[in-house]
Every structure is written in structure tokens, then in C-alpha cells.
Amino acid sequence: FNTGAVPIYYAREIVGIVCVDYEDRFFSESM
């Protein structure tokens, strides 16, 4: 998978992260 993630802030503190996964067929096939 290709993965992206950003932090979640609450009261100026990181309380978790939101992540997204894409299957990497496009990139591997392009290579």
C-alpha cells in the first residue's frame, strides 16, 4: 500500500492520526 497520514490535534495536543491506504498497483505497474 501507499500510505498518507496526518495528525489529529485536540487542545493543541496530538490525540491520534488519520491514515489513508491506496493499493500500489499504479506505481508498481508504472515502474
PDB file of all heavy atoms in Angstrom:
ATOM      1  N   PHE A   1       0.817  -1.209   0.000  1.00  0.00           N
ATOM      2  CA  PHE A   1       0.000   0.000   0.000  1.00  0.00           C
ATOM      3  C   PHE A   1       0.851   1.259   0.000  1.00  0.00           C
ATOM      4  O   PHE A   1       1.965   1.286   0.526  1.00  0.00           O
ATOM      5  CB  PHE A   1      -0.918   0.030   1.233  1.00  0.00           C
ATOM      6  CG  PHE A   1      -1.853  -1.135   1.317  1.00  0.00           C
ATOM      7  CD1 PHE A   1      -1.542  -2.245   2.082  1.00  0.00           C
ATOM      8  CD2 PHE A   1      -3.051  -1.117   0.618  1.00  0.00           C
ATOM      9  CE1 PHE A   1      -2.406  -3.325   2.158  1.00  0.00           C
ATOM     10  CE2 PHE A   1      -3.924  -2.199   0.685  1.00  0.00           C
ATOM     11  CZ  PHE A   1      -3.604  -3.305   1.446  1.00  0.00           C
ATOM     12  N   ASN A   2       0.287   2.298  -0.611  1.00  0.00           N
ATOM     13  CA  ASN A   2       0.794   3.652  -0.461  1.00  0.00           C
ATOM     14  C   ASN A   2      -0.001   4.299   0.672  1.00  0.00           C
ATOM     15  O   ASN A   2      -1.229   4.204   0.699  1.00  0.00           O
ATOM     16  CB  ASN A   2       0.596   4.452  -1.750  1.00  0.00           C
ATOM     17  CG  ASN A   2       1.219   3.759  -2.941  1.00  0.00           C
ATOM     18  OD1 ASN A   2       2.254   3.118  -2.805  1.00  0.00           O
ATOM     19  ND2 ASN A   2       0.601   3.875  -4.100  1.00  0.00           N
ATOM     20  N   THR A   3       0.687   4.957   1.586  1.00  0.00           N
ATOM     21  CA  THR A   3       0.055   5.437   2.808  1.00  0.00           C
ATOM     22  C   THR A   3       0.288   6.923   3.008  1.00  0.00           C
ATOM     23  O   THR A   3       1.383   7.417   2.772  1.00  0.00           O
ATOM     24  CB  THR A   3       0.607   4.677   4.035  1.00  0.00           C
ATOM     25  OG1 THR A   3       0.333   3.286   3.876  1.00  0.00           O
ATOM     26  CG2 THR A   3      -0.060   5.158   5.319  1.00  0.00           C
ATOM     27  N   GLY A   4      -0.770   7.616   3.440  1.00  0.00           N
ATOM     28  CA  GLY A   4      -0.662   9.008   3.862  1.00  0.00           C
ATOM     29  C   GLY A   4      -1.267   9.149   5.248  1.00  0.00           C
ATOM     30  O   GLY A   4      -2.219   8.433   5.598  1.00  0.00           O
ATOM     31  N   ALA A   5      -0.720  10.052   6.050  1.00  0.00           N
ATOM     32  CA  ALA A   5      -1.218  10.217   7.417  1.00  0.00           C
ATOM     33  C   ALA A   5      -1.025  11.656   7.879  1.00  0.00           C
ATOM     34  O   ALA A   5      -0.019  12.286   7.551  1.00  0.00           O
ATOM     35  CB  ALA A   5      -0.504   9.249   8.377  1.00  0.00           C
ATOM     36  N   VAL A   6      -2.008  12.150   8.633  1.00  0.00           N
ATOM     37  CA  VAL A   6      -1.902  13.490   9.218  1.00  0.00           C
ATOM     38  C   VAL A   6      -2.292  13.394  10.693  1.00  0.00           C
ATOM     39  O   VAL A   6      -3.141  12.581  11.072  1.00  0.00           O
ATOM     40  CB  VAL A   6      -2.810  14.505   8.496  1.00  0.00           C
ATOM     41  CG1 VAL A   6      -2.404  14.655   7.039  1.00  0.00           C
ATOM     42  CG2 VAL A   6      -4.268  14.108   8.592  1.00  0.00           C
ATOM     43  N   PRO A   7      -1.674  14.227  11.538  1.00  0.00           N
ATOM     44  CA  PRO A   7      -2.007  14.180  12.960  1.00  0.00           C
ATOM     45  C   PRO A   7      -3.363  14.813  13.260  1.00  0.00           C
ATOM     46  O   PRO A   7      -3.828  15.697  12.538  1.00  0.00           O
ATOM     47  CB  PRO A   7      -0.864  14.984  13.602  1.00  0.00           C
ATOM     48  CG  PRO A   7      -0.400  15.898  12.531  1.00  0.00           C
ATOM     49  CD  PRO A   7      -0.586  15.168  11.246  1.00  0.00           C
ATOM     50  N   ILE A   8      -3.991  14.356  14.332  1.00  0.00           N
ATOM     51  CA  ILE A   8      -5.219  14.950  14.849  1.00  0.00           C
ATOM     52  C   ILE A   8      -4.863  15.715  16.135  1.00  0.00           C
ATOM     53  O   ILE A   8      -4.284  15.144  17.061  1.00  0.00           O
ATOM     54  CB  ILE A   8      -6.277  13.883  15.177  1.00  0.00           C
ATOM     55  CG1 ILE A   8      -6.547  12.997  13.965  1.00  0.00           C
ATOM     56  CG2 ILE A   8      -7.561  14.534  15.668  1.00  0.00           C
ATOM     57  CD1 ILE A   8      -7.470  11.835  14.272  1.00  0.00           C
ATOM     58  N   TYR A   9      -5.199  16.975  16.151  1.00  0.00           N
ATOM     59  CA  TYR A   9      -4.908  17.801  17.314  1.00  0.00           C
ATOM     60  C   TYR A   9      -6.187  18.070  18.114  1.00  0.00           C
ATOM     61  O   TYR A   9      -7.250  18.326  17.539  1.00  0.00           O
ATOM     62  CB  TYR A   9      -4.303  19.140  16.898  1.00  0.00           C
ATOM     63  CG  TYR A   9      -2.882  19.034  16.391  1.00  0.00           C
ATOM     64  CD1 TYR A   9      -2.625  18.845  15.033  1.00  0.00           C
ATOM     65  CD2 TYR A   9      -1.799  19.124  17.261  1.00  0.00           C
ATOM     66  CE1 TYR A   9      -1.320  18.747  14.556  1.00  0.00           C
ATOM     67  CE2 TYR A   9      -0.494  19.026  16.795  1.00  0.00           C
ATOM     68  CZ  TYR A   9      -0.269  18.845  15.449  1.00  0.00           C
ATOM     69  OH  TYR A   9       1.017  18.768  14.989  1.00  0.00           O
ATOM     70  N   TYR A  10      -6.043  18.019  19.422  1.00  0.00           N
ATOM     71  CA  TYR A  10      -7.132  18.411  20.320  1.00  0.00           C
ATOM     72  C   TYR A  10      -6.499  19.125  21.497  1.00  0.00           C
ATOM     73  O   TYR A  10      -5.614  18.572  22.163  1.00  0.00           O
ATOM     74  CB  TYR A  10      -7.914  17.179  20.796  1.00  0.00           C
ATOM     75  CG  TYR A  10      -9.136  17.527  21.615  1.00  0.00           C
ATOM     76  CD1 TYR A  10     -10.330  17.883  20.972  1.00  0.00           C
ATOM     77  CD2 TYR A  10      -9.103  17.510  23.004  1.00  0.00           C
ATOM     78  CE1 TYR A  10     -11.463  18.195  21.706  1.00  0.00           C
ATOM     79  CE2 TYR A  10     -10.238  17.823  23.748  1.00  0.00           C
ATOM     80  CZ  TYR A  10     -11.408  18.174  23.105  1.00  0.00           C
ATOM     81  OH  TYR A  10     -12.522  18.495  23.830  1.00  0.00           O
ATOM     82  N   ALA A  11      -6.945  20.356  21.719  1.00  0.00           N
ATOM     83  CA  ALA A  11      -6.330  21.184  22.765  1.00  0.00           C
ATOM     84  C   ALA A  11      -4.823  21.291  22.548  1.00  0.00           C
ATOM     85  O   ALA A  11      -4.028  21.223  23.474  1.00  0.00           O
ATOM     86  CB  ALA A  11      -6.638  20.631  24.149  1.00  0.00           C
ATOM     87  N   ARG A  12      -4.443  21.438  21.260  1.00  0.00           N
ATOM     88  CA  ARG A  12      -3.052  21.628  20.855  1.00  0.00           C
ATOM     89  C   ARG A  12      -2.159  20.422  21.142  1.00  0.00           C
ATOM     90  O   ARG A  12      -0.942  20.532  21.168  1.00  0.00           O
ATOM     91  CB  ARG A  12      -2.455  22.879  21.511  1.00  0.00           C
ATOM     92  CG  ARG A  12      -3.157  24.167  21.105  1.00  0.00           C
ATOM     93  CD  ARG A  12      -2.463  25.386  21.678  1.00  0.00           C
ATOM     94  NE  ARG A  12      -3.139  26.610  21.231  1.00  0.00           N
ATOM     95  CZ  ARG A  12      -2.735  27.831  21.551  1.00  0.00           C
ATOM     96  NH1 ARG A  12      -1.657  27.992  22.314  1.00  0.00           N
ATOM     97  NH2 ARG A  12      -3.387  28.896  21.122  1.00  0.00           N
ATOM     98  N   GLU A  13      -2.765  19.268  21.341  1.00  0.00           N
ATOM     99  CA  GLU A  13      -2.002  18.036  21.546  1.00  0.00           C
ATOM    100  C   GLU A  13      -2.425  17.020  20.486  1.00  0.00           C
ATOM    101  O   GLU A  13      -3.578  16.999  20.042  1.00  0.00           O
ATOM    102  CB  GLU A  13      -2.231  17.459  22.951  1.00  0.00           C
ATOM    103  CG  GLU A  13      -1.665  18.335  24.070  1.00  0.00           C
ATOM    104  CD  GLU A  13      -1.799  17.647  25.425  1.00  0.00           C
ATOM    105  OE1 GLU A  13      -2.362  16.530  25.462  1.00  0.00           O
ATOM    106  OE2 GLU A  13      -1.346  18.220  26.431  1.00  0.00           O
ATOM    107  N   ILE A  14      -1.479  16.190  20.087  1.00  0.00           N
ATOM    108  CA  ILE A  14      -1.778  15.144  19.118  1.00  0.00           C
ATOM    109  C   ILE A  14      -2.478  13.996  19.838  1.00  0.00           C
ATOM    110  O   ILE A  14      -1.917  13.380  20.756  1.00  0.00           O
ATOM    111  CB  ILE A  14      -0.482  14.642  18.439  1.00  0.00           C
ATOM    112  CG1 ILE A  14       0.163  15.774  17.629  1.00  0.00           C
ATOM    113  CG2 ILE A  14      -0.792  13.461  17.521  1.00  0.00           C
ATOM    114  CD1 ILE A  14       1.483  15.396  16.999  1.00  0.00           C
ATOM    115  N   VAL A  15      -3.714  13.723  19.417  1.00  0.00           N
ATOM    116  CA  VAL A  15      -4.501  12.676  20.069  1.00  0.00           C
ATOM    117  C   VAL A  15      -4.719  11.482  19.145  1.00  0.00           C
ATOM    118  O   VAL A  15      -5.456  10.563  19.493  1.00  0.00           O
ATOM    119  CB  VAL A  15      -5.857  13.231  20.543  1.00  0.00           C
ATOM    120  CG1 VAL A  15      -5.661  14.277  21.631  1.00  0.00           C
ATOM    121  CG2 VAL A  15      -6.628  13.834  19.366  1.00  0.00           C
ATOM    122  N   GLY A  16      -4.087  11.505  18.000  1.00  0.00           N
ATOM    123  CA  GLY A  16      -4.212  10.389  17.075  1.00  0.00           C
ATOM    124  C   GLY A  16      -3.782  10.816  15.682  1.00  0.00           C
ATOM    125  O   GLY A  16      -3.344  11.948  15.473  1.00  0.00           O
ATOM    126  N   ILE A  17      -3.898   9.896  14.729  1.00  0.00           N
ATOM    127  CA  ILE A  17      -3.587  10.219  13.334  1.00  0.00           C
ATOM    128  C   ILE A  17      -4.659   9.613  12.433  1.00  0.00           C
ATOM    129  O   ILE A  17      -5.236   8.568  12.748  1.00  0.00           O
ATOM    130  CB  ILE A  17      -2.195   9.706  12.912  1.00  0.00           C
ATOM    131  CG1 ILE A  17      -2.109   8.174  13.033  1.00  0.00           C
ATOM    132  CG2 ILE A  17      -1.103  10.374  13.722  1.00  0.00           C
ATOM    133  CD1 ILE A  17      -0.802   7.603  12.469  1.00  0.00           C
ATOM    134  N   VAL A  18      -4.930  10.314  11.336  1.00  0.00           N
ATOM    135  CA  VAL A  18      -5.834   9.807  10.305  1.00  0.00           C
ATOM    136  C   VAL A  18      -4.982   9.288   9.145  1.00  0.00           C
ATOM    137  O   VAL A  18      -4.089   9.993   8.672  1.00  0.00           O
ATOM    138  CB  VAL A  18      -6.786  10.912   9.798  1.00  0.00           C
ATOM    139  CG1 VAL A  18      -7.703  10.354   8.719  1.00  0.00           C
ATOM    140  CG2 VAL A  18      -7.606  11.466  10.941  1.00  0.00           C
ATOM    141  N   CYS A  19      -5.255   8.084   8.710  1.00  0.00           N
ATOM    142  CA  CYS A  19      -4.425   7.434   7.694  1.00  0.00           C
ATOM    143  C   CYS A  19      -5.288   6.998   6.512  1.00  0.00           C
ATOM    144  O   CYS A  19      -6.462   6.677   6.670  1.00  0.00           O
ATOM    145  CB  CYS A  19      -3.722   6.199   8.279  1.00  0.00           C
ATOM    146  SG  CYS A  19      -2.951   6.482   9.883  1.00  0.00           S
ATOM    147  N   VAL A  20      -4.684   6.987   5.351  1.00  0.00           N
ATOM    148  CA  VAL A  20      -5.352   6.502   4.143  1.00  0.00           C
ATOM    149  C   VAL A  20      -4.388   5.582   3.398  1.00  0.00           C
ATOM    150  O   VAL A  20      -3.208   5.881   3.282  1.00  0.00           O
ATOM    151  CB  VAL A  20      -5.813   7.673   3.248  1.00  0.00           C
ATOM    152  CG1 VAL A  20      -4.653   8.571   2.882  1.00  0.00           C
ATOM    153  CG2 VAL A  20      -6.483   7.156   1.982  1.00  0.00           C
ATOM    154  N   ASP A  21      -4.897   4.452   2.925  1.00  0.00           N
ATOM    155  CA  ASP A  21      -4.101   3.470   2.179  1.00  0.00           C
ATOM    156  C   ASP A  21      -4.668   3.312   0.769  1.00  0.00           C
ATOM    157  O   ASP A  21      -5.884   3.169   0.594  1.00  0.00           O
ATOM    158  CB  ASP A  21      -4.131   2.096   2.869  1.00  0.00           C
ATOM    159  CG  ASP A  21      -3.187   2.029   4.059  1.00  0.00           C
ATOM    160  OD1 ASP A  21      -2.419   2.986   4.244  1.00  0.00           O
ATOM    161  OD2 ASP A  21      -3.247   1.036   4.795  1.00  0.00           O
ATOM    162  N   TYR A  22      -3.785   3.374  -0.223  1.00  0.00           N
ATOM    163  CA  TYR A  22      -4.129   3.026  -1.601  1.00  0.00           C
ATOM    164  C   TYR A  22      -3.295   1.815  -1.991  1.00  0.00           C
ATOM    165  O   TYR A  22      -2.110   1.745  -1.657  1.00  0.00           O
ATOM    166  CB  TYR A  22      -3.798   4.169  -2.564  1.00  0.00           C
ATOM    167  CG  TYR A  22      -4.826   5.265  -2.641  1.00  0.00           C
ATOM    168  CD1 TYR A  22      -4.860   6.272  -1.695  1.00  0.00           C
ATOM    169  CD2 TYR A  22      -5.754   5.296  -3.672  1.00  0.00           C
ATOM    170  CE1 TYR A  22      -5.799   7.300  -1.772  1.00  0.00           C
ATOM    171  CE2 TYR A  22      -6.688   6.311  -3.767  1.00  0.00           C
ATOM    172  CZ  TYR A  22      -6.712   7.314  -2.812  1.00  0.00           C
ATOM    173  OH  TYR A  22      -7.637   8.313  -2.901  1.00  0.00           O
ATOM    174  N   GLU A  23      -3.917   0.874  -2.703  1.00  0.00           N
ATOM    175  CA  GLU A  23      -3.136  -0.226  -3.253  1.00  0.00           C
ATOM    176  C   GLU A  23      -2.123   0.333  -4.247  1.00  0.00           C
ATOM    177  O   GLU A  23      -2.442   1.253  -5.002  1.00  0.00           O
ATOM    178  CB  GLU A  23      -4.053  -1.244  -3.927  1.00  0.00           C
ATOM    179  CG  GLU A  23      -4.894  -2.038  -2.938  1.00  0.00           C
ATOM    180  CD  GLU A  23      -5.736  -3.094  -3.622  1.00  0.00           C
ATOM    181  OE1 GLU A  23      -6.381  -2.769  -4.634  1.00  0.00           O
ATOM    182  OE2 GLU A  23      -5.732  -4.235  -3.148  1.00  0.00           O
ATOM    183  N   ASP A  24      -0.917  -0.206  -4.242  1.00  0.00           N
ATOM    184  CA  ASP A  24       0.176   0.415  -5.006  1.00  0.00           C
ATOM    185  C   ASP A  24       0.300  -0.145  -6.425  1.00  0.00           C
ATOM    186  O   ASP A  24       1.340  -0.033  -7.035  1.00  0.00           O
ATOM    187  CB  ASP A  24       1.507   0.249  -4.266  1.00  0.00           C
ATOM    188  CG  ASP A  24       2.045  -1.184  -4.376  1.00  0.00           C
ATOM    189  OD1 ASP A  24       1.230  -2.093  -4.611  1.00  0.00           O
ATOM    190  OD2 ASP A  24       3.253  -1.371  -4.242  1.00  0.00           O
ATOM    191  N   ARG A  25      -0.783  -0.696  -6.955  1.00  0.00           N
ATOM    192  CA  ARG A  25      -0.694  -1.269  -8.299  1.00  0.00           C
ATOM    193  C   ARG A  25      -0.245  -0.233  -9.328  1.00  0.00           C
ATOM    194  O   ARG A  25       0.566  -0.520 -10.199  1.00  0.00           O
ATOM    195  CB  ARG A  25      -2.048  -1.852  -8.719  1.00  0.00           C
ATOM    196  CG  ARG A  25      -2.458  -3.111  -7.976  1.00  0.00           C
ATOM    197  CD  ARG A  25      -3.628  -3.760  -8.686  1.00  0.00           C
ATOM    198  NE  ARG A  25      -4.738  -2.837  -8.835  1.00  0.00           N
ATOM    199  CZ  ARG A  25      -5.726  -2.710  -7.966  1.00  0.00           C
ATOM    200  NH1 ARG A  25      -5.735  -3.449  -6.876  1.00  0.00           N
ATOM    201  NH2 ARG A  25      -6.702  -1.853  -8.170  1.00  0.00           N
ATOM    202  N   PHE A  26      -0.774   0.990  -9.205  1.00  0.00           N
ATOM    203  CA  PHE A  26      -0.451   2.005 -10.205  1.00  0.00           C
ATOM    204  C   PHE A  26       1.045   2.288 -10.235  1.00  0.00           C
ATOM    205  O   PHE A  26       1.664   2.301 -11.291  1.00  0.00           O
ATOM    206  CB  PHE A  26      -1.216   3.296  -9.918  1.00  0.00           C
ATOM    207  CG  PHE A  26      -0.822   4.426 -10.825  1.00  0.00           C
ATOM    208  CD1 PHE A  26      -1.304   4.500 -12.117  1.00  0.00           C
ATOM    209  CD2 PHE A  26       0.062   5.407 -10.388  1.00  0.00           C
ATOM    210  CE1 PHE A  26      -0.936   5.525 -12.960  1.00  0.00           C
ATOM    211  CE2 PHE A  26       0.433   6.438 -11.229  1.00  0.00           C
ATOM    212  CZ  PHE A  26      -0.070   6.504 -12.516  1.00  0.00           C
ATOM    213  N   PHE A  27       1.634   2.506  -9.059  1.00  0.00           N
ATOM    214  CA  PHE A  27       3.044   2.869  -9.020  1.00  0.00           C
ATOM    215  C   PHE A  27       3.920   1.693  -9.448  1.00  0.00           C
ATOM    216  O   PHE A  27       4.849   1.864 -10.234  1.00  0.00           O
ATOM    217  CB  PHE A  27       3.423   3.332  -7.619  1.00  0.00           C
ATOM    218  CG  PHE A  27       4.788   3.971  -7.558  1.00  0.00           C
ATOM    219  CD1 PHE A  27       4.985   5.251  -8.022  1.00  0.00           C
ATOM    220  CD2 PHE A  27       5.871   3.274  -7.045  1.00  0.00           C
ATOM    221  CE1 PHE A  27       6.240   5.842  -7.980  1.00  0.00           C
ATOM    222  CE2 PHE A  27       7.132   3.848  -6.993  1.00  0.00           C
ATOM    223  CZ  PHE A  27       7.301   5.145  -7.461  1.00  0.00           C
ATOM    224  N   SER A  28       3.634   0.501  -8.944  1.00  0.00           N
ATOM    225  CA  SER A  28       4.465  -0.652  -9.305  1.00  0.00           C
ATOM    226  C   SER A  28       4.328  -0.985 -10.790  1.00  0.00           C
ATOM    227  O   SER A  28       5.305  -1.324 -11.453  1.00  0.00           O
ATOM    228  CB  SER A  28       4.077  -1.862  -8.442  1.00  0.00           C
ATOM    229  OG  SER A  28       2.712  -2.201  -8.644  1.00  0.00           O
ATOM    230  N   GLU A  29       3.089  -0.850 -11.304  1.00  0.00           N
ATOM    231  CA  GLU A  29       2.896  -1.124 -12.725  1.00  0.00           C
ATOM    232  C   GLU A  29       3.572  -0.058 -13.585  1.00  0.00           C
ATOM    233  O   GLU A  29       4.097  -0.364 -14.663  1.00  0.00           O
ATOM    234  CB  GLU A  29       1.404  -1.201 -13.043  1.00  0.00           C
ATOM    235  CG  GLU A  29       0.737  -2.456 -12.496  1.00  0.00           C
ATOM    236  CD  GLU A  29      -0.751  -2.461 -12.742  1.00  0.00           C
ATOM    237  OE1 GLU A  29      -1.248  -1.498 -13.370  1.00  0.00           O
ATOM    238  OE2 GLU A  29      -1.425  -3.415 -12.319  1.00  0.00           O
ATOM    239  N   SER A  30       3.549   1.195 -13.125  1.00  0.00           N
ATOM    240  CA  SER A  30       4.228   2.245 -13.886  1.00  0.00           C
ATOM    241  C   SER A  30       5.730   2.013 -13.900  1.00  0.00           C
ATOM    242  O   SER A  30       6.399   2.259 -14.912  1.00  0.00           O
ATOM    243  CB  SER A  30       3.906   3.625 -13.291  1.00  0.00           C
ATOM    244  OG  SER A  30       4.460   3.756 -11.989  1.00  0.00           O
ATOM    245  N   MET A  31       6.291   1.521 -12.788  1.00  0.00           N
ATOM    246  CA  MET A  31       7.711   1.197 -12.746  1.00  0.00           C
ATOM    247  C   MET A  31       8.017   0.037 -13.694  1.00  0.00           C
ATOM    248  O   MET A  31       9.014   0.067 -14.422  1.00  0.00           O
ATOM    249  CB  MET A  31       8.114   0.832 -11.317  1.00  0.00           C
ATOM    250  CG  MET A  31       8.084   1.999 -10.344  1.00  0.00           C
ATOM    251  SD  MET A  31       9.390   3.199 -10.685  1.00  0.00           S
ATOM    252  CE  MET A  31      10.819   2.227 -10.224  1.00  0.00           C
TER     253      MET A  31
END
